[in-house]
Protein backbone atom coordinates (compact mmCIF):
# COMPACT_ATOMS: atom_id res chain seq x y z
CA MET A 1 -35.94 -20.05 73.26
CA THR A 2 -39.72 -19.72 73.37
CA LEU A 3 -42.16 -22.34 72.11
CA GLN A 4 -43.04 -19.97 69.25
CA LYS A 5 -39.40 -19.86 68.07
CA LEU A 6 -39.08 -23.62 68.49
CA LEU A 7 -42.20 -24.10 66.35
CA SER A 8 -40.93 -21.70 63.70
CA ALA A 9 -37.63 -23.57 63.27
CA THR A 10 -39.38 -26.94 63.36
CA ARG A 11 -41.90 -25.92 60.74
CA LYS A 12 -39.12 -24.61 58.50
CA GLY A 13 -37.41 -27.99 58.64
CA VAL A 14 -40.68 -29.83 57.97
CA ASP A 15 -41.67 -27.60 55.06
CA ASP A 16 -38.26 -27.12 53.41
CA PHE A 17 -37.74 -30.89 53.10
CA HIS A 18 -41.41 -31.87 52.60
CA MET A 19 -41.24 -34.15 55.62
CA ILE A 20 -44.92 -34.61 56.46
CA PRO A 21 -47.56 -35.25 53.77
CA PRO A 22 -51.26 -34.51 54.38
CA GLY A 23 -52.93 -36.84 56.88
CA ALA A 24 -49.72 -38.50 58.03
CA CYS A 25 -49.43 -40.14 61.43
CA VAL A 26 -46.04 -39.28 62.93
CA ALA A 27 -44.46 -41.33 65.70
CA VAL A 28 -41.80 -39.49 67.70
CA GLY A 29 -38.90 -41.47 69.13
CA VAL A 30 -38.76 -40.28 72.74
CA SER A 31 -35.58 -41.31 74.55
CA GLY A 32 -36.27 -39.17 77.60
CA GLY A 33 -33.58 -36.64 76.75
CA LYS A 34 -34.20 -32.93 76.26
CA ASP A 35 -34.03 -33.14 72.45
CA SER A 36 -36.68 -35.81 71.95
CA LEU A 37 -38.99 -34.28 74.57
CA ALA A 38 -38.67 -30.89 72.86
CA LEU A 39 -39.45 -32.55 69.52
CA VAL A 40 -42.64 -34.23 70.69
CA THR A 41 -43.66 -30.96 72.35
CA ALA A 42 -43.06 -29.04 69.12
CA LEU A 43 -44.79 -31.53 66.83
CA ALA A 44 -47.80 -31.87 69.13
CA ALA A 45 -48.22 -28.09 68.98
CA LEU A 46 -47.47 -27.86 65.24
CA ALA A 47 -50.06 -30.55 64.45
CA LYS A 48 -52.80 -28.25 65.72
CA PHE A 49 -52.39 -25.73 62.91
CA HIS A 50 -50.12 -27.16 60.20
CA PRO A 51 -51.91 -27.52 56.84
CA SER A 52 -50.89 -31.20 56.62
CA ARG A 53 -53.27 -31.95 59.51
CA PHE A 54 -51.01 -34.74 60.75
CA THR A 55 -51.34 -36.62 64.04
CA VAL A 56 -48.65 -37.39 66.61
CA LYS A 57 -47.85 -40.45 68.73
CA ALA A 58 -44.76 -41.29 70.81
CA ILE A 59 -42.57 -44.35 71.35
CA THR A 60 -39.80 -45.03 73.87
CA VAL A 61 -37.38 -47.92 73.45
CA ASP A 62 -36.51 -49.33 76.87
CA LEU A 63 -32.93 -50.56 76.41
CA GLY A 64 -33.08 -52.63 79.58
CA PHE A 65 -30.73 -50.55 81.73
CA PRO A 66 -31.53 -50.69 85.48
CA GLY A 67 -33.53 -47.91 87.08
CA ALA A 68 -35.29 -46.65 83.96
CA ASP A 69 -38.55 -44.92 84.89
CA PHE A 70 -40.77 -43.70 82.07
CA ASP A 71 -43.83 -42.83 84.16
CA PRO A 72 -42.98 -39.09 84.25
CA ILE A 73 -42.77 -39.12 80.45
CA ALA A 74 -46.12 -40.90 80.22
CA ARG A 75 -47.75 -38.25 82.41
CA TYR A 76 -46.16 -35.44 80.40
CA LEU A 77 -47.36 -36.89 77.10
CA GLU A 78 -50.83 -37.44 78.51
CA GLY A 79 -50.91 -33.70 79.17
CA LEU A 80 -50.05 -33.13 75.49
CA SER A 81 -52.77 -35.63 74.42
CA VAL A 82 -50.11 -37.73 72.67
CA PRO A 83 -50.64 -41.54 72.72
CA TYR A 84 -47.56 -43.25 74.17
CA ARG A 85 -45.99 -46.69 73.97
CA VAL A 86 -42.91 -48.16 75.66
CA GLU A 87 -41.11 -50.98 73.85
CA LYS A 88 -39.14 -53.18 76.25
CA THR A 89 -35.96 -54.66 74.76
CA ALA A 90 -32.67 -56.27 75.74
CA ILE A 91 -30.62 -54.03 73.43
CA GLY A 92 -28.37 -52.87 76.26
CA GLN A 93 -27.48 -56.44 77.21
CA VAL A 94 -26.87 -57.45 73.59
CA VAL A 95 -24.62 -54.48 72.83
CA PHE A 96 -22.61 -54.28 76.05
CA GLN A 97 -22.62 -57.80 77.53
CA GLU A 98 -23.10 -60.25 74.68
CA ARG A 99 -21.48 -58.47 71.75
CA LYS A 100 -19.15 -56.25 73.82
CA GLU A 101 -18.95 -53.82 70.92
CA ASP A 102 -15.91 -51.57 70.55
CA ASN A 103 -18.24 -49.07 68.87
CA PRO A 104 -21.53 -49.67 70.72
CA CYS A 105 -23.31 -46.56 69.42
CA SER A 106 -23.56 -47.77 65.82
CA LEU A 107 -25.16 -51.13 66.64
CA CYS A 108 -27.36 -49.66 69.36
CA ALA A 109 -28.67 -46.93 67.05
CA LYS A 110 -29.45 -49.44 64.30
CA MET A 111 -31.28 -51.77 66.68
CA LYS A 112 -33.24 -48.93 68.28
CA ARG A 113 -34.25 -47.57 64.89
CA GLY A 114 -35.49 -51.01 63.87
CA VAL A 115 -37.63 -51.30 67.00
CA LEU A 116 -38.97 -47.76 66.54
CA CYS A 117 -39.91 -48.33 62.90
CA SER A 118 -41.67 -51.63 63.65
CA ALA A 119 -43.55 -50.11 66.60
CA ALA A 120 -44.49 -47.06 64.54
CA ARG A 121 -45.97 -49.25 61.83
CA GLU A 122 -47.91 -51.27 64.43
CA MET A 123 -49.33 -48.01 65.81
CA GLY A 124 -50.54 -47.03 62.35
CA CYS A 125 -47.84 -44.40 61.80
CA THR A 126 -46.33 -43.69 58.40
CA HIS A 127 -43.48 -41.51 59.68
CA LEU A 128 -40.95 -41.66 62.50
CA ALA A 129 -39.53 -38.35 63.76
CA LEU A 130 -36.07 -38.35 65.37
CA ALA A 131 -34.65 -35.40 67.31
CA HIS A 132 -31.31 -35.06 65.54
CA HIS A 133 -30.41 -31.38 65.35
CA LYS A 134 -27.89 -29.20 63.49
CA ASP A 135 -25.02 -30.11 65.83
CA ASP A 136 -25.74 -33.83 65.31
CA LEU A 137 -25.66 -33.32 61.54
CA ILE A 138 -22.28 -31.57 61.75
CA ASP A 139 -20.88 -34.20 64.13
CA THR A 140 -22.00 -36.96 61.75
CA PHE A 141 -20.40 -35.13 58.83
CA LEU A 142 -17.08 -34.98 60.71
CA LEU A 143 -17.33 -38.60 61.86
CA ASN A 144 -17.81 -39.75 58.27
CA LEU A 145 -14.93 -37.57 57.11
CA PHE A 146 -12.39 -38.56 59.78
CA TYR A 147 -13.35 -42.19 60.48
CA ALA A 148 -14.79 -43.42 57.17
CA GLY A 149 -13.15 -41.12 54.62
CA ARG A 150 -16.53 -40.11 53.18
CA ILE A 151 -18.19 -36.74 52.52
CA ASP A 152 -21.63 -37.54 53.93
CA THR A 153 -24.10 -37.08 56.77
CA PHE A 154 -27.58 -38.27 57.64
CA LEU A 155 -30.60 -37.23 55.57
CA PRO A 156 -33.67 -35.18 56.49
CA VAL A 157 -35.97 -37.81 54.95
CA THR A 158 -35.25 -41.54 54.58
CA ARG A 159 -37.69 -44.36 53.77
CA MET A 160 -37.05 -47.71 55.47
CA ASP A 161 -37.94 -50.45 53.00
CA ARG A 162 -38.67 -53.29 55.44
CA THR A 163 -41.26 -51.41 57.47
CA GLY A 164 -42.28 -48.80 54.91
CA VAL A 165 -41.84 -46.11 57.56
CA THR A 166 -40.27 -42.79 56.56
CA VAL A 167 -37.75 -41.36 59.03
CA ILE A 168 -37.75 -37.56 59.34
CA ARG A 169 -35.58 -35.13 61.30
CA PRO A 170 -37.46 -31.84 61.82
CA PHE A 171 -34.81 -30.22 64.08
CA LEU A 172 -32.15 -29.74 61.38
CA TYR A 173 -32.21 -25.95 61.73
CA LEU A 174 -31.89 -25.96 65.53
CA GLU A 175 -28.65 -25.94 67.49
CA GLU A 176 -28.21 -27.95 70.66
CA LYS A 177 -27.70 -24.79 72.75
CA GLU A 178 -31.16 -23.61 71.68
CA LEU A 179 -32.72 -26.87 72.86
CA VAL A 180 -30.83 -26.62 76.16
CA TYR A 181 -32.25 -23.14 76.65
CA PHE A 182 -35.75 -24.34 75.79
CA ALA A 183 -35.49 -27.23 78.26
CA ASN A 184 -34.30 -24.87 80.99
CA LYS A 185 -37.21 -22.49 80.43
CA ASN A 186 -39.91 -25.12 79.84
CA PRO A 187 -39.99 -27.90 82.45
CA MET A 188 -39.92 -31.35 80.87
CA PRO A 189 -39.38 -34.78 82.52
CA VAL A 190 -35.82 -35.24 81.26
CA CYS A 191 -34.49 -38.66 82.27
CA PRO A 192 -30.77 -39.33 82.78
CA SER A 193 -29.20 -41.73 80.32
CA GLY A 194 -28.34 -45.13 81.75
CA CYS A 195 -25.96 -45.92 78.90
CA PRO A 196 -22.45 -46.95 80.03
CA ALA A 197 -20.97 -45.24 76.96
CA ASP A 198 -22.68 -41.90 77.57
CA LYS A 199 -20.21 -39.00 77.13
CA HIS A 200 -17.45 -41.47 76.09
CA THR A 201 -18.02 -41.81 72.35
CA CYS A 202 -16.40 -40.74 69.09
CA ARG A 203 -19.26 -38.26 68.71
CA GLU A 204 -18.18 -36.60 71.96
CA LYS A 205 -14.68 -36.28 70.49
CA MET A 206 -16.16 -34.39 67.55
CA LYS A 207 -18.03 -32.06 69.93
CA THR A 208 -14.79 -31.38 71.80
CA LEU A 209 -12.95 -30.74 68.54
CA LEU A 210 -15.59 -28.24 67.42
CA LYS A 211 -15.39 -26.38 70.73
CA THR A 212 -11.62 -26.13 70.33
CA LEU A 213 -11.87 -24.87 66.75
CA ALA A 214 -14.64 -22.43 67.69
CA ALA A 215 -12.23 -20.61 70.01
CA ASP A 216 -10.46 -19.21 66.91
CA ASN A 217 -13.40 -19.46 64.50
CA PRO A 218 -16.71 -18.73 66.27
CA ASP A 219 -18.71 -19.27 63.06
CA ILE A 220 -17.29 -22.72 62.33
CA LYS A 221 -20.57 -24.61 62.87
CA ALA A 222 -22.45 -22.21 60.60
CA LYS A 223 -19.75 -22.62 57.94
CA LEU A 224 -19.81 -26.42 58.16
CA PHE A 225 -23.61 -26.49 57.97
CA GLY A 226 -23.46 -24.16 54.98
CA ALA A 227 -20.91 -26.42 53.31
CA VAL A 228 -23.23 -29.41 53.76
CA LEU A 229 -26.11 -27.47 52.20
CA ARG A 230 -24.03 -26.16 49.29
CA ALA A 231 -22.67 -29.64 48.58
CA GLY A 232 -26.24 -30.89 48.17
CA LEU A 233 -25.79 -33.62 50.77
CA LEU A 234 -29.27 -33.09 52.25
CA HIS A 235 -31.04 -33.30 48.88
CA ARG A 236 -28.79 -35.67 46.97
CA ARG A 237 -30.50 -38.81 48.29
CA GLU A 238 -33.56 -37.28 49.93
CA ASN A 239 -35.92 -39.97 48.66
CA ASP A 240 -33.56 -42.92 48.98
CA THR A 241 -34.85 -46.16 50.46
CA ILE A 242 -32.50 -48.10 52.73
CA ARG A 243 -32.73 -51.51 54.32
CA LEU A 244 -33.19 -51.81 58.08
């Protein structure tokens, strides 16, 4: 995937769901993975010509795992002229050592999002962009269906009432394989995850299930994404405010 195609899909997500109002300052949550690095790359480029004339900053939440090195990311973002901030936390210790969560991803995600929203507000940002893509949306839909008995998934636009920051997800029209291809063709400082639960989560089970089903039904992801759209799940609560 070329940068032009990445920008086209990103802009479609931004425009279809009215994610970025004129003059907004958008903070991108940069974990160091391919998805978040592709997102900050895309938004930094899109900001140069999008009619909203928005600005872009970046935030990394340091979870406290040993060996984390964010200097390569800092240098990369300096090349994009994107201001960058690293928030040091003890989230990893809280989740895995103190709380010893059976489902660590849920608590970790909530705590990270809280740190990101607070840091975004301190940096003068009105919006926080997360790199969840089409596969993540489908996985979340299946997780809610199988583990919670609910027909639901995450939203393109959500306002957090405590911080007043609006969370947006511009990559909703992009599949993970497209981001993998982009990362392979466009060198980015991808950092390995230090999370002990990496690749051992319920979300990974959903990915494995989809691969199995795709062997007999190659269009299954497209059909599930279409079902989510037709059910109105992405618009039903688009302007909802939730507590964080």
